[in-house]
Amino acid sequence: MVALTAAGTALIAATYGLVRLAFGLHLPEIGAEFGLDTAALGLVSAAASVVYGLAAGVGFLIGDRLPRSLVVAAGLTAGCGAIGIALAQHPGVFVAAAIASSAGAGCASPALVRIIHRSAPDPSRATMQAVVNAGTGPGLVAAGAVAWALAPHWRLAWVVAGAATAIAAVAVLALDRPTGAEPAAAHRGPPLSWWAAHRAPLIAAAGFGFGAAAIWNYGRVVLVAAGAPEASSLLAWVLLGAGGGAVIGTAPLARRLRPGSLWMLAATSAAIATAVLGLLPGEFALCGAACLVFGWGYVTATGALIEWTTRIDGARAGTGTAVLFVVLMLGQAAGAAAVGAILESVGPAGAFAAAAAVACAAGMLGAERLTRATRLACSRSADAPGARRAPRP
């Protein structure tokens, strides 16, 4: 189990940290290289989020039945997309490669949720899921460190990302030992009661994705515009990853909270960090601390979504993860486009405050009132003929 967990963590680190979310890390250099302004880059990021959503939608359809196929797709799309970015000499080629590369992360998450759910014993399953999902953090640290070491040769960083993705995907495939026994429910579409039970996390995921787009896409742009040296702005990105990686250490404590309560804590923490960075981009030490908090909040929130859907219906954990991550990234696509459109006109304080407000509102959906409503919906789902009673969140 340790080797599989390590390989799964590496695949998340590569597809998310080194590829999907590294777009914002290299945004200043990419914009200068291809002559793209903030609004145009925001649209590229939004399109990449939509493609991520489409890939996760495929995960929704086949994740519980064909997780290994999704791992192959993750390695090919993220790996080849990263190499395409590295080799691009024309803006159109870069845009196509950047958008396609995001599909890898969309394929990886539902695949790994199913692989771990069918491979790990129940007592350790949630912890393994949390550790693998927290791979985003080490991936971001690695992305920042690689960019720092190779600066100003940003293209080489994408070559490293492509190679790391391919290696991680092969390792997961080699270590996975499918048993061939899958729950029958995993082969059917979710009933209406399943969707009712997911109402609160679906709305929360969309709002949080919108708010999180500000730092992921424009955090380093804002720091550079405020006069941060290259080393300081790259260090901020490393701190984002360090915050995400800290989730591994806090996972045992986080498991003591209901998924809705953990979601509220994580989302509001990320919202506060977003507001701080937008309001005080010239205070580099404070912004570094904000990046640390945001990284922890973001990765913890995505882990809370996985636990939330797993508690509602463990047999459809891969399906639930895919659906929630699709909604999260569609929200992030809208946020990237919206923040990019207003950033230059209202400034980072206004744009980031608006994003933070939406993320904070999404966090409030984890309050006890809606957690209780979700519990009642789960109860109705369990009482339906042939339904499996889910543990209370």
Protein backbone atom coordinates (compact mmCIF):
# COMPACT_ATOMS: atom_id res chain seq x y z
CA MET A 1 0.00 0.00 0.00
CA VAL A 2 2.87 2.38 0.75
CA ALA A 3 4.33 2.06 -2.74
CA LEU A 4 0.93 2.56 -4.41
CA THR A 5 0.23 5.59 -2.22
CA ALA A 6 3.59 7.07 -3.15
CA ALA A 7 3.00 6.49 -6.85
CA GLY A 8 -0.50 7.96 -6.67
CA THR A 9 0.82 10.99 -4.80
CA ALA A 10 3.48 11.44 -7.48
CA LEU A 11 0.87 11.31 -10.26
CA ILE A 12 -1.22 13.99 -8.55
CA ALA A 13 1.93 16.03 -7.92
CA ALA A 14 2.83 15.85 -11.60
CA THR A 15 -0.56 16.36 -13.24
CA TYR A 16 -1.66 19.11 -10.85
CA GLY A 17 1.44 20.75 -9.36
CA LEU A 18 3.86 20.47 -12.27
CA VAL A 19 1.37 20.85 -15.14
CA ARG A 20 -2.18 22.03 -14.41
CA LEU A 21 -1.47 24.66 -11.74
CA ALA A 22 2.03 25.60 -12.95
CA PHE A 23 0.44 27.70 -15.70
CA GLY A 24 0.06 30.61 -13.27
CA LEU A 25 3.65 30.17 -12.10
CA HIS A 26 5.04 30.87 -15.57
CA LEU A 27 2.44 33.45 -16.58
CA PRO A 28 4.74 36.53 -16.53
CA GLU A 29 7.34 34.87 -18.77
CA ILE A 30 4.75 33.26 -21.06
CA GLY A 31 2.86 36.52 -21.51
CA ALA A 32 6.06 38.33 -22.48
CA GLU A 33 7.21 35.54 -24.80
CA PHE A 34 3.99 35.29 -26.81
CA GLY A 35 2.69 38.84 -26.46
CA LEU A 36 -0.47 37.83 -24.55
CA ASP A 37 -2.07 40.25 -22.06
CA THR A 38 -3.75 39.36 -18.76
CA ALA A 39 -7.24 39.10 -20.23
CA ALA A 40 -6.08 36.77 -23.03
CA LEU A 41 -4.15 34.56 -20.61
CA GLY A 42 -7.24 34.44 -18.40
CA LEU A 43 -9.24 33.07 -21.30
CA VAL A 44 -6.58 30.43 -21.96
CA SER A 45 -6.71 29.42 -18.30
CA ALA A 46 -10.50 29.32 -18.42
CA ALA A 47 -10.43 27.08 -21.49
CA ALA A 48 -7.92 24.80 -19.77
CA SER A 49 -10.29 24.52 -16.80
CA VAL A 50 -13.14 23.59 -19.13
CA VAL A 51 -11.00 20.85 -20.69
CA TYR A 52 -10.14 19.66 -17.21
CA GLY A 53 -13.86 19.50 -16.54
CA LEU A 54 -14.49 17.54 -19.72
CA ALA A 55 -11.76 15.06 -18.79
CA ALA A 56 -13.18 14.68 -15.30
CA GLY A 57 -16.56 14.20 -16.97
CA VAL A 58 -15.09 11.20 -18.76
CA GLY A 59 -13.93 10.08 -15.32
CA PHE A 60 -17.53 10.41 -14.16
CA LEU A 61 -18.59 7.99 -16.87
CA ILE A 62 -15.85 5.38 -16.67
CA GLY A 63 -13.84 6.08 -13.50
CA ASP A 64 -15.43 3.33 -11.42
CA ARG A 65 -15.05 0.74 -14.20
CA LEU A 66 -11.86 1.66 -16.09
CA PRO A 67 -9.54 3.53 -13.72
CA ARG A 68 -6.40 2.15 -15.38
CA SER A 69 -7.47 3.55 -18.73
CA LEU A 70 -7.84 6.93 -17.08
CA VAL A 71 -4.31 6.68 -15.67
CA VAL A 72 -3.00 6.09 -19.19
CA ALA A 73 -4.99 9.07 -20.47
CA ALA A 74 -3.65 11.23 -17.63
CA GLY A 75 -0.05 10.39 -18.48
CA LEU A 76 -0.52 10.99 -22.20
CA THR A 77 -2.44 14.28 -22.04
CA ALA A 78 -0.48 15.95 -19.25
CA GLY A 79 2.88 14.61 -20.42
CA CYS A 80 2.46 15.41 -24.10
CA GLY A 81 0.83 18.75 -23.31
CA ALA A 82 3.78 19.77 -21.15
CA ILE A 83 6.24 18.84 -23.90
CA GLY A 84 4.09 20.77 -26.38
CA ILE A 85 4.33 23.89 -24.21
CA ALA A 86 8.09 23.47 -24.01
CA LEU A 87 8.46 23.22 -27.79
CA ALA A 88 5.84 25.81 -28.83
CA GLN A 89 7.14 28.62 -31.02
CA HIS A 90 3.77 30.06 -32.02
CA PRO A 91 1.03 31.38 -29.68
CA GLY A 92 -1.55 29.06 -31.25
CA VAL A 93 0.58 25.97 -30.56
CA PHE A 94 1.19 27.10 -27.00
CA VAL A 95 -2.52 27.71 -26.38
CA ALA A 96 -3.48 24.28 -27.74
CA ALA A 97 -0.83 22.49 -25.65
CA ALA A 98 -1.67 24.45 -22.49
CA ILE A 99 -5.36 23.66 -22.81
CA ALA A 100 -4.82 19.97 -23.60
CA SER A 101 -2.37 19.45 -20.72
CA SER A 102 -5.07 20.18 -18.12
CA ALA A 103 -6.96 17.04 -19.12
CA GLY A 104 -4.36 14.94 -17.32
CA ALA A 105 -5.36 16.15 -13.88
CA GLY A 106 -9.04 15.62 -14.69
CA CYS A 107 -8.35 12.00 -15.54
CA ALA A 108 -6.00 11.31 -12.64
CA SER A 109 -8.24 12.17 -9.69
CA PRO A 110 -11.23 9.86 -10.31
CA ALA A 111 -8.90 7.07 -11.38
CA LEU A 112 -6.87 7.20 -8.17
CA VAL A 113 -9.95 7.49 -5.97
CA ARG A 114 -11.28 4.21 -7.39
CA ILE A 115 -7.87 2.47 -7.34
CA ILE A 116 -7.32 3.32 -3.68
CA HIS A 117 -10.91 2.57 -2.68
CA ARG A 118 -10.70 -0.95 -4.09
CA SER A 119 -7.12 -1.62 -2.90
CA ALA A 120 -6.90 -0.20 0.64
CA PRO A 121 -8.50 -1.67 3.78
CA ASP A 122 -11.34 0.46 5.11
CA PRO A 123 -9.58 1.79 8.26
CA SER A 124 -6.72 3.37 6.27
CA ARG A 125 -8.62 4.30 3.10
CA ALA A 126 -9.49 7.88 4.06
CA THR A 127 -5.93 8.64 5.17
CA MET A 128 -4.52 7.23 1.93
CA GLN A 129 -6.96 9.33 -0.09
CA ALA A 130 -5.92 12.44 1.85
CA VAL A 131 -2.22 11.75 1.31
CA VAL A 132 -2.61 11.12 -2.42
CA ASN A 133 -4.81 14.18 -2.89
CA ALA A 134 -2.21 16.26 -1.02
CA GLY A 135 0.30 15.44 -3.76
CA THR A 136 -0.65 18.77 -5.28
CA GLY A 137 1.42 20.45 -2.56
CA PRO A 138 4.74 18.66 -3.20
CA GLY A 139 4.10 19.11 -6.92
CA LEU A 140 3.83 22.87 -6.49
CA VAL A 141 6.99 22.93 -4.39
CA ALA A 142 8.77 20.97 -7.10
CA ALA A 143 7.42 23.31 -9.80
CA GLY A 144 8.70 26.37 -7.96
CA ALA A 145 12.05 24.76 -7.23
CA VAL A 146 12.51 23.66 -10.84
CA ALA A 147 11.54 27.11 -12.14
CA TRP A 148 13.98 28.69 -9.71
CA ALA A 149 16.82 26.34 -10.66
CA LEU A 150 16.27 26.66 -14.42
CA ALA A 151 15.35 30.38 -14.59
CA PRO A 152 15.14 32.05 -17.05
CA HIS A 153 14.77 28.86 -19.14
CA TRP A 154 11.10 28.24 -18.39
CA ARG A 155 10.71 25.82 -21.29
CA LEU A 156 13.03 23.31 -19.63
CA ALA A 157 10.74 23.29 -16.60
CA TRP A 158 7.94 21.95 -18.81
CA VAL A 159 10.21 19.20 -20.16
CA VAL A 160 10.82 18.10 -16.56
CA ALA A 161 7.07 18.19 -15.92
CA GLY A 162 6.32 16.02 -18.94
CA ALA A 163 8.93 13.42 -18.00
CA ALA A 164 7.80 13.29 -14.36
CA THR A 165 4.18 12.76 -15.41
CA ALA A 166 5.03 9.83 -17.65
CA ILE A 167 7.13 8.14 -14.95
CA ALA A 168 4.43 8.56 -12.29
CA ALA A 169 1.70 7.15 -14.55
CA VAL A 170 3.79 4.07 -15.36
CA ALA A 171 4.49 3.54 -11.65
CA VAL A 172 0.77 3.61 -10.76
CA LEU A 173 -0.04 1.11 -13.49
CA ALA A 174 2.77 -1.19 -12.35
CA LEU A 175 1.74 -1.12 -8.68
CA ASP A 176 -2.04 -1.34 -9.08
CA ARG A 177 -3.37 -4.84 -8.49
CA PRO A 178 -7.01 -4.89 -9.65
CA THR A 179 -9.06 -7.62 -8.00
CA GLY A 180 -11.76 -7.70 -10.66
CA ALA A 181 -14.48 -7.38 -8.01
CA GLU A 182 -16.27 -4.02 -8.30
CA PRO A 183 -19.52 -3.03 -6.57
CA ALA A 184 -22.50 -3.49 -8.83
CA ALA A 185 -23.64 0.08 -8.05
CA ALA A 186 -20.51 1.41 -9.68
CA HIS A 187 -21.82 0.26 -13.04
CA ARG A 188 -25.08 2.19 -12.87
CA GLY A 189 -25.76 5.88 -13.10
CA PRO A 190 -26.47 7.62 -9.79
CA PRO A 191 -30.16 7.85 -8.80
CA LEU A 192 -31.89 11.18 -8.18
CA SER A 193 -31.44 10.71 -4.43
CA TRP A 194 -27.65 10.67 -5.00
CA TRP A 195 -27.82 14.06 -6.71
CA ALA A 196 -30.01 15.39 -3.91
CA ALA A 197 -27.46 14.27 -1.33
CA HIS A 198 -24.73 16.11 -3.27
CA ARG A 199 -26.59 19.41 -3.60
CA ALA A 200 -24.58 21.25 -0.92
CA PRO A 201 -21.10 20.07 -2.01
CA LEU A 202 -21.91 20.80 -5.67
CA ILE A 203 -22.84 24.42 -4.97
CA ALA A 204 -19.89 24.82 -2.62
CA ALA A 205 -17.41 23.42 -5.15
CA ALA A 206 -18.52 25.86 -7.86
CA GLY A 207 -18.18 28.91 -5.63
CA PHE A 208 -14.85 27.87 -4.19
CA GLY A 209 -13.43 27.20 -7.66
CA PHE A 210 -14.41 30.73 -8.72
CA GLY A 211 -12.69 32.29 -5.73
CA ALA A 212 -9.55 30.14 -5.91
CA ALA A 213 -8.85 31.20 -9.51
CA ALA A 214 -7.44 34.57 -8.40
CA ILE A 215 -4.29 33.26 -6.71
CA TRP A 216 -3.75 30.27 -8.98
CA ASN A 217 -3.80 32.36 -12.14
CA TYR A 218 -2.74 35.84 -11.10
CA GLY A 219 -0.99 35.53 -7.75
CA ARG A 220 2.52 35.72 -9.16
CA VAL A 221 1.46 38.35 -11.72
CA VAL A 222 0.27 40.60 -8.89
CA LEU A 223 3.43 40.05 -6.85
CA VAL A 224 5.67 40.86 -9.81
CA ALA A 225 3.63 43.98 -10.59
CA ALA A 226 4.05 45.08 -6.97
CA GLY A 227 7.82 44.94 -7.36
CA ALA A 228 8.64 41.53 -5.97
CA PRO A 229 12.02 40.19 -7.15
CA GLU A 230 11.88 37.03 -9.23
CA ALA A 231 13.27 34.97 -6.35
CA SER A 232 10.58 36.26 -3.97
CA SER A 233 7.71 35.59 -6.38
CA LEU A 234 8.98 32.07 -7.03
CA LEU A 235 9.38 31.51 -3.29
CA ALA A 236 5.72 32.45 -2.86
CA TRP A 237 4.84 29.64 -5.25
CA VAL A 238 6.98 27.21 -3.27
CA LEU A 239 5.11 28.28 -0.14
CA LEU A 240 1.81 27.52 -1.90
CA GLY A 241 3.07 24.00 -2.39
CA ALA A 242 4.44 23.76 1.13
CA GLY A 243 1.01 24.68 2.46
CA GLY A 244 -0.55 22.00 0.29
CA GLY A 245 2.02 19.46 1.41
CA ALA A 246 1.28 20.28 5.06
CA VAL A 247 -2.11 18.64 4.52
CA ILE A 248 -0.37 15.29 4.85
CA GLY A 249 0.61 16.19 8.42
CA THR A 250 -2.78 17.59 9.35
CA ALA A 251 -4.79 14.73 7.78
CA PRO A 252 -5.22 12.75 11.06
CA LEU A 253 -6.60 15.84 12.80
CA ALA A 254 -8.78 16.76 9.83
CA ARG A 255 -10.41 13.33 9.88
CA ARG A 256 -11.97 14.21 13.25
CA LEU A 257 -14.15 16.83 11.55
CA ARG A 258 -17.23 16.18 9.46
CA PRO A 259 -16.51 16.78 5.76
CA GLY A 260 -18.81 19.82 5.76
CA SER A 261 -17.04 21.35 8.76
CA LEU A 262 -13.60 20.65 7.29
CA TRP A 263 -14.76 22.21 4.03
CA MET A 264 -15.87 25.39 5.83
CA LEU A 265 -12.54 25.74 7.63
CA ALA A 266 -10.48 25.14 4.49
CA ALA A 267 -12.50 27.36 2.13
CA THR A 268 -12.64 30.32 4.49
CA SER A 269 -8.90 30.05 5.17
CA ALA A 270 -8.20 30.17 1.43
CA ALA A 271 -10.59 33.12 1.04
CA ILE A 272 -8.83 35.14 3.74
CA ALA A 273 -5.45 34.41 2.16
CA THR A 274 -6.75 35.55 -1.24
CA ALA A 275 -7.97 38.86 0.19
CA VAL A 276 -4.66 39.48 1.98
CA LEU A 277 -2.56 38.93 -1.13
CA GLY A 278 -4.75 41.24 -3.21
CA LEU A 279 -4.87 44.01 -0.61
CA LEU A 280 -1.18 43.98 0.39
CA PRO A 281 0.85 42.61 -2.55
CA GLY A 282 3.85 44.75 -1.60
CA GLU A 283 4.17 43.14 1.84
CA PHE A 284 6.14 40.15 0.65
CA ALA A 285 6.50 38.42 4.03
CA LEU A 286 2.77 38.66 4.68
CA CYS A 287 2.00 37.47 1.15
CA GLY A 288 4.28 34.50 1.69
CA ALA A 289 2.30 33.55 4.78
CA ALA A 290 -0.94 34.03 2.82
CA CYS A 291 0.33 31.67 0.11
CA LEU A 292 1.15 29.07 2.76
CA VAL A 293 -2.37 29.30 4.19
CA PHE A 294 -3.98 29.29 0.74
CA GLY A 295 -2.08 26.16 -0.31
CA TRP A 296 -3.25 24.33 2.81
CA GLY A 297 -6.81 25.57 2.40
CA TYR A 298 -7.09 24.63 -1.27
CA VAL A 299 -5.73 21.11 -0.96
CA THR A 300 -7.66 20.47 2.25
CA ALA A 301 -10.85 21.66 0.55
CA THR A 302 -10.40 19.29 -2.38
CA GLY A 303 -9.73 16.47 0.05
CA ALA A 304 -12.89 17.40 1.95
CA LEU A 305 -14.86 17.10 -1.28
CA ILE A 306 -13.50 13.60 -1.82
CA GLU A 307 -14.36 12.58 1.73
CA TRP A 308 -17.77 14.23 1.48
CA THR A 309 -18.79 12.23 -1.60
CA THR A 310 -17.18 9.04 -0.27
CA ARG A 311 -19.22 9.28 2.94
CA ILE A 312 -22.39 9.85 0.95
CA ASP A 313 -21.82 6.83 -1.31
CA GLY A 314 -18.50 4.99 -1.16
CA ALA A 315 -19.40 2.68 -4.04
CA ARG A 316 -19.54 5.71 -6.34
CA ALA A 317 -16.55 7.53 -4.84
CA GLY A 318 -14.83 7.91 -8.21
CA THR A 319 -18.02 9.17 -9.82
CA GLY A 320 -18.64 11.65 -7.02
CA THR A 321 -15.08 12.94 -7.12
CA ALA A 322 -15.29 13.44 -10.87
CA VAL A 323 -18.57 15.34 -10.63
CA LEU A 324 -17.41 17.60 -7.82
CA PHE A 325 -14.06 18.30 -9.46
CA VAL A 326 -15.78 19.10 -12.77
CA VAL A 327 -17.93 21.65 -10.97
CA LEU A 328 -14.90 22.98 -9.07
CA MET A 329 -12.96 23.55 -12.27
CA LEU A 330 -15.90 25.03 -14.13
CA GLY A 331 -16.12 27.51 -11.30
CA GLN A 332 -12.39 28.09 -11.61
CA ALA A 333 -12.78 28.67 -15.35
CA ALA A 334 -15.40 31.34 -14.70
CA GLY A 335 -13.23 32.87 -12.00
CA ALA A 336 -10.13 32.97 -14.22
CA ALA A 337 -12.01 34.77 -16.97
CA ALA A 338 -13.79 37.15 -14.60
CA VAL A 339 -10.75 38.12 -12.54
CA GLY A 340 -8.61 38.48 -15.67
CA ALA A 341 -11.21 40.80 -17.21
CA ILE A 342 -11.37 43.18 -14.22
CA LEU A 343 -7.86 42.94 -12.80
CA GLU A 344 -6.37 45.83 -14.76
CA SER A 345 -9.41 48.09 -14.33
CA VAL A 346 -10.18 47.64 -10.61
CA GLY A 347 -6.73 46.58 -9.45
CA PRO A 348 -5.67 43.53 -7.43
CA ALA A 349 -7.40 44.70 -4.23
CA GLY A 350 -10.85 44.83 -5.81
CA ALA A 351 -10.45 41.77 -8.02
CA PHE A 352 -9.03 39.54 -5.29
CA ALA A 353 -11.55 40.81 -2.71
CA ALA A 354 -14.41 39.85 -5.02
CA ALA A 355 -12.92 36.38 -5.53
CA ALA A 356 -12.38 35.98 -1.78
CA ALA A 357 -16.00 36.91 -1.06
CA VAL A 358 -17.29 34.19 -3.38
CA ALA A 359 -14.92 31.60 -1.86
CA CYS A 360 -15.97 32.59 1.65
CA ALA A 361 -19.65 32.27 0.76
CA ALA A 362 -18.93 28.81 -0.64
CA GLY A 363 -17.22 27.88 2.62
CA MET A 364 -20.31 28.78 4.59
CA LEU A 365 -22.17 26.00 2.77
CA GLY A 366 -20.33 23.57 5.00
CA ALA A 367 -22.19 24.93 8.06
CA GLU A 368 -24.19 22.57 10.26
CA ARG A 369 -27.52 23.56 8.71
CA LEU A 370 -26.59 22.24 5.26
CA THR A 371 -24.59 19.36 6.67
CA ARG A 372 -27.78 18.24 8.43
CA ALA A 373 -29.71 18.65 5.17
CA THR A 374 -27.20 16.48 3.36
CA ARG A 375 -27.52 13.89 6.13
CA LEU A 376 -31.26 13.78 5.67
CA ALA A 377 -30.85 13.40 1.90
CA CYS A 378 -28.46 10.51 2.51
CA SER A 379 -31.02 8.90 4.78
CA ARG A 380 -33.66 9.11 2.06
CA SER A 381 -31.16 7.60 -0.42
CA ALA A 382 -30.45 4.74 1.97
CA ASP A 383 -34.14 4.05 2.49
CA ALA A 384 -34.76 3.71 -1.25
CA PRO A 385 -35.20 0.12 -2.56
CA GLY A 386 -31.84 -1.51 -3.25
CA ALA A 387 -29.91 1.46 -1.88
CA ARG A 388 -26.88 1.10 0.31
CA ARG A 389 -26.98 2.95 3.63
CA ALA A 390 -24.16 5.52 3.69
CA PRO A 391 -22.27 6.50 6.86
CA ARG A 392 -23.41 9.80 8.31
CA PRO A 393 -21.04 12.68 7.41
